[in-house]
Amino acid sequence: MLAPRSLPSEYTEFNRRHHSPAGHPWRGYCKVFGSRSALRLKLAGPYAWQENNSIRAFEYPWAHDQIQSLGSKLVIADVGASLAGLQYTLARDGHEVHAIDPGMNATGVG
């Protein structure tokens, strides 16, 4: 993905509001206390489940904007979703999201 060097202010605000792309600063604190999923999701947020590279700071708000421009209460199939967090943000916005990630069953390399 090609992105501008400086994020638009609305993308910076999206990242601040949703703790995207890497989760809440309490992320490390949550890892210390184990794998209680509900507690971790509440404290660290949906973007804390996996490491993300810096391009996600543009990609997630961009994708969110593109989807929001299509309407409300959409049915979305997120193919290759993993546990990146965007599907949780979209579901909280009222969309029906189906996260599809074949992982190891796809090619044997995950």
C-alpha atoms as a PDB file:
ATOM      1  CA  MET A   1       0.000   0.000   0.000  1.00  0.00           C
ATOM      2  CA  LEU A   2       1.234   3.471  -0.843  1.00  0.00           C
ATOM      3  CA  ALA A   3       0.421   6.091   1.749  1.00  0.00           C
ATOM      4  CA  PRO A   4       1.270   9.725   2.370  1.00  0.00           C
ATOM      5  CA  ARG A   5       4.171  10.486   4.694  1.00  0.00           C
ATOM      6  CA  SER A   6       1.887  12.433   7.033  1.00  0.00           C
ATOM      7  CA  LEU A   7      -1.395  10.919   8.129  1.00  0.00           C
ATOM      8  CA  PRO A   8      -4.557  12.947   7.602  1.00  0.00           C
ATOM      9  CA  SER A   9      -5.838  14.281  10.914  1.00  0.00           C
ATOM     10  CA  GLU A  10      -8.958  12.106  10.780  1.00  0.00           C
ATOM     11  CA  TYR A  11      -6.747   9.000  10.460  1.00  0.00           C
ATOM     12  CA  THR A  12      -4.666  10.093  13.434  1.00  0.00           C
ATOM     13  CA  GLU A  13      -7.903  10.529  15.388  1.00  0.00           C
ATOM     14  CA  PHE A  14      -9.145   7.059  14.333  1.00  0.00           C
ATOM     15  CA  ASN A  15      -5.877   5.518  15.548  1.00  0.00           C
ATOM     16  CA  ARG A  16      -6.055   7.404  18.842  1.00  0.00           C
ATOM     17  CA  ARG A  17      -9.687   6.504  19.463  1.00  0.00           C
ATOM     18  CA  HIS A  18      -9.294   2.790  18.620  1.00  0.00           C
ATOM     19  CA  HIS A  19      -5.697   2.312  19.835  1.00  0.00           C
ATOM     20  CA  SER A  20      -4.767   1.253  16.323  1.00  0.00           C
ATOM     21  CA  PRO A  21      -2.605  -0.261  14.960  1.00  0.00           C
ATOM     22  CA  ALA A  22      -0.898  -1.896  17.968  1.00  0.00           C
ATOM     23  CA  GLY A  23      -3.353  -1.746  20.858  1.00  0.00           C
ATOM     24  CA  HIS A  24      -3.575   0.308  24.007  1.00  0.00           C
ATOM     25  CA  PRO A  25      -0.333   1.246  25.791  1.00  0.00           C
ATOM     26  CA  TRP A  26      -1.394  -1.221  28.520  1.00  0.00           C
ATOM     27  CA  ARG A  27      -0.766  -3.998  26.016  1.00  0.00           C
ATOM     28  CA  GLY A  28       2.412  -5.234  27.737  1.00  0.00           C
ATOM     29  CA  TYR A  29       0.664  -5.118  31.107  1.00  0.00           C
ATOM     30  CA  CYS A  30      -2.093  -7.365  29.752  1.00  0.00           C
ATOM     31  CA  LYS A  31       0.423  -9.909  28.425  1.00  0.00           C
ATOM     32  CA  VAL A  32       1.917 -10.249  31.912  1.00  0.00           C
ATOM     33  CA  PHE A  33      -1.422 -11.360  33.319  1.00  0.00           C
ATOM     34  CA  GLY A  34      -1.915 -14.253  30.916  1.00  0.00           C
ATOM     35  CA  SER A  35      -4.472 -15.167  28.359  1.00  0.00           C
ATOM     36  CA  ARG A  36      -7.783 -14.188  29.920  1.00  0.00           C
ATOM     37  CA  SER A  37      -9.219 -13.097  26.585  1.00  0.00           C
ATOM     38  CA  ALA A  38     -12.098 -10.920  27.805  1.00  0.00           C
ATOM     39  CA  LEU A  39      -9.897  -8.974  30.218  1.00  0.00           C
ATOM     40  CA  ARG A  40      -7.175  -8.535  27.615  1.00  0.00           C
ATOM     41  CA  LEU A  41      -9.644  -7.336  24.971  1.00  0.00           C
ATOM     42  CA  LYS A  42     -11.139  -4.847  27.427  1.00  0.00           C
ATOM     43  CA  LEU A  43      -7.796  -3.460  28.627  1.00  0.00           C
ATOM     44  CA  ALA A  44      -5.629  -3.616  25.515  1.00  0.00           C
ATOM     45  CA  GLY A  45      -8.246  -3.341  22.776  1.00  0.00           C
ATOM     46  CA  PRO A  46      -8.893  -5.368  19.639  1.00  0.00           C
ATOM     47  CA  TYR A  47      -5.727  -4.177  17.877  1.00  0.00           C
ATOM     48  CA  ALA A  48      -3.439  -5.661  20.529  1.00  0.00           C
ATOM     49  CA  TRP A  49      -3.774  -9.274  19.428  1.00  0.00           C
ATOM     50  CA  GLN A  50      -0.939  -9.292  16.939  1.00  0.00           C
ATOM     51  CA  GLU A  51       2.080  -7.218  16.028  1.00  0.00           C
ATOM     52  CA  ASN A  52       1.421  -4.769  13.205  1.00  0.00           C
ATOM     53  CA  ASN A  53       3.747  -2.779  11.029  1.00  0.00           C
ATOM     54  CA  SER A  54       3.562   0.992  10.745  1.00  0.00           C
ATOM     55  CA  ILE A  55       1.652   0.993   7.433  1.00  0.00           C
ATOM     56  CA  ARG A  56      -1.390  -0.226   9.376  1.00  0.00           C
ATOM     57  CA  ALA A  57      -1.656   3.282  10.873  1.00  0.00           C
ATOM     58  CA  PHE A  58      -2.832   4.351   7.406  1.00  0.00           C
ATOM     59  CA  GLU A  59      -4.450   1.111   6.219  1.00  0.00           C
ATOM     60  CA  TYR A  60      -6.968   0.603   9.042  1.00  0.00           C
ATOM     61  CA  PRO A  61      -8.525   4.099   9.009  1.00  0.00           C
ATOM     62  CA  TRP A  62      -8.454   4.117   5.184  1.00  0.00           C
ATOM     63  CA  ALA A  63     -10.242   0.753   4.968  1.00  0.00           C
ATOM     64  CA  HIS A  64     -12.699   1.870   7.646  1.00  0.00           C
ATOM     65  CA  ASP A  65     -13.514   5.032   5.675  1.00  0.00           C
ATOM     66  CA  GLN A  66     -13.985   3.074   2.444  1.00  0.00           C
ATOM     67  CA  ILE A  67     -16.370   0.629   4.112  1.00  0.00           C
ATOM     68  CA  GLN A  68     -18.301   3.356   5.940  1.00  0.00           C
ATOM     69  CA  SER A  69     -18.822   5.158   2.615  1.00  0.00           C
ATOM     70  CA  LEU A  70     -20.727   2.104   1.323  1.00  0.00           C
ATOM     71  CA  GLY A  71     -23.459   2.411   3.938  1.00  0.00           C
ATOM     72  CA  SER A  72     -24.513   1.099   7.311  1.00  0.00           C
ATOM     73  CA  LYS A  73     -25.335  -2.387   8.569  1.00  0.00           C
ATOM     74  CA  LEU A  74     -23.361  -4.084   5.804  1.00  0.00           C
ATOM     75  CA  VAL A  75     -22.537  -7.779   5.678  1.00  0.00           C
ATOM     76  CA  ILE A  76     -18.747  -7.939   5.348  1.00  0.00           C
ATOM     77  CA  ALA A  77     -16.519 -10.928   4.578  1.00  0.00           C
ATOM     78  CA  ASP A  78     -12.974 -10.132   5.739  1.00  0.00           C
ATOM     79  CA  VAL A  79     -10.849 -12.725   3.941  1.00  0.00           C
ATOM     80  CA  GLY A  80      -7.411 -13.144   5.504  1.00  0.00           C
ATOM     81  CA  ALA A  81      -8.632 -11.323   8.589  1.00  0.00           C
ATOM     82  CA  SER A  82      -6.390 -12.869  11.229  1.00  0.00           C
ATOM     83  CA  LEU A  83      -6.905 -11.076  14.562  1.00  0.00           C
ATOM     84  CA  ALA A  84      -5.971  -7.607  13.431  1.00  0.00           C
ATOM     85  CA  GLY A  85      -8.785  -5.686  15.111  1.00  0.00           C
ATOM     86  CA  LEU A  86     -10.504  -3.995  12.189  1.00  0.00           C
ATOM     87  CA  GLN A  87     -13.299  -6.578  12.191  1.00  0.00           C
ATOM     88  CA  TYR A  88     -14.103  -5.659  15.831  1.00  0.00           C
ATOM     89  CA  THR A  89     -14.241  -1.946  15.005  1.00  0.00           C
ATOM     90  CA  LEU A  90     -16.552  -2.623  12.057  1.00  0.00           C
ATOM     91  CA  ALA A  91     -18.806  -4.851  14.182  1.00  0.00           C
ATOM     92  CA  ARG A  92     -19.025  -2.117  16.831  1.00  0.00           C
ATOM     93  CA  ASP A  93     -20.122   0.215  14.028  1.00  0.00           C
ATOM     94  CA  GLY A  94     -23.113  -2.072  13.412  1.00  0.00           C
ATOM     95  CA  HIS A  95     -21.858  -4.159  10.498  1.00  0.00           C
ATOM     96  CA  GLU A  96     -22.154  -7.957  10.384  1.00  0.00           C
ATOM     97  CA  VAL A  97     -18.554  -9.121   9.952  1.00  0.00           C
ATOM     98  CA  HIS A  98     -17.424 -12.618   8.990  1.00  0.00           C
ATOM     99  CA  ALA A  99     -13.686 -13.022   9.561  1.00  0.00           C
ATOM    100  CA  ILE A 100     -12.316 -15.754   7.282  1.00  0.00           C
ATOM    101  CA  ASP A 101      -8.741 -16.897   7.711  1.00  0.00           C
ATOM    102  CA  PRO A 102      -7.829 -20.360   6.434  1.00  0.00           C
ATOM    103  CA  GLY A 103      -4.389 -20.248   8.099  1.00  0.00           C
ATOM    104  CA  MET A 104      -2.502 -23.529   8.145  1.00  0.00           C
ATOM    105  CA  ASN A 105      -5.277 -25.376   6.319  1.00  0.00           C
ATOM    106  CA  ALA A 106      -4.770 -23.226   3.216  1.00  0.00           C
ATOM    107  CA  THR A 107      -1.280 -24.137   2.091  1.00  0.00           C
ATOM    108  CA  GLY A 108       0.432 -25.700   5.063  1.00  0.00           C
ATOM    109  CA  VAL A 109       2.510 -22.606   5.797  1.00  0.00           C
ATOM    110  CA  GLY A 110      -0.087 -20.527   7.665  1.00  0.00           C
END
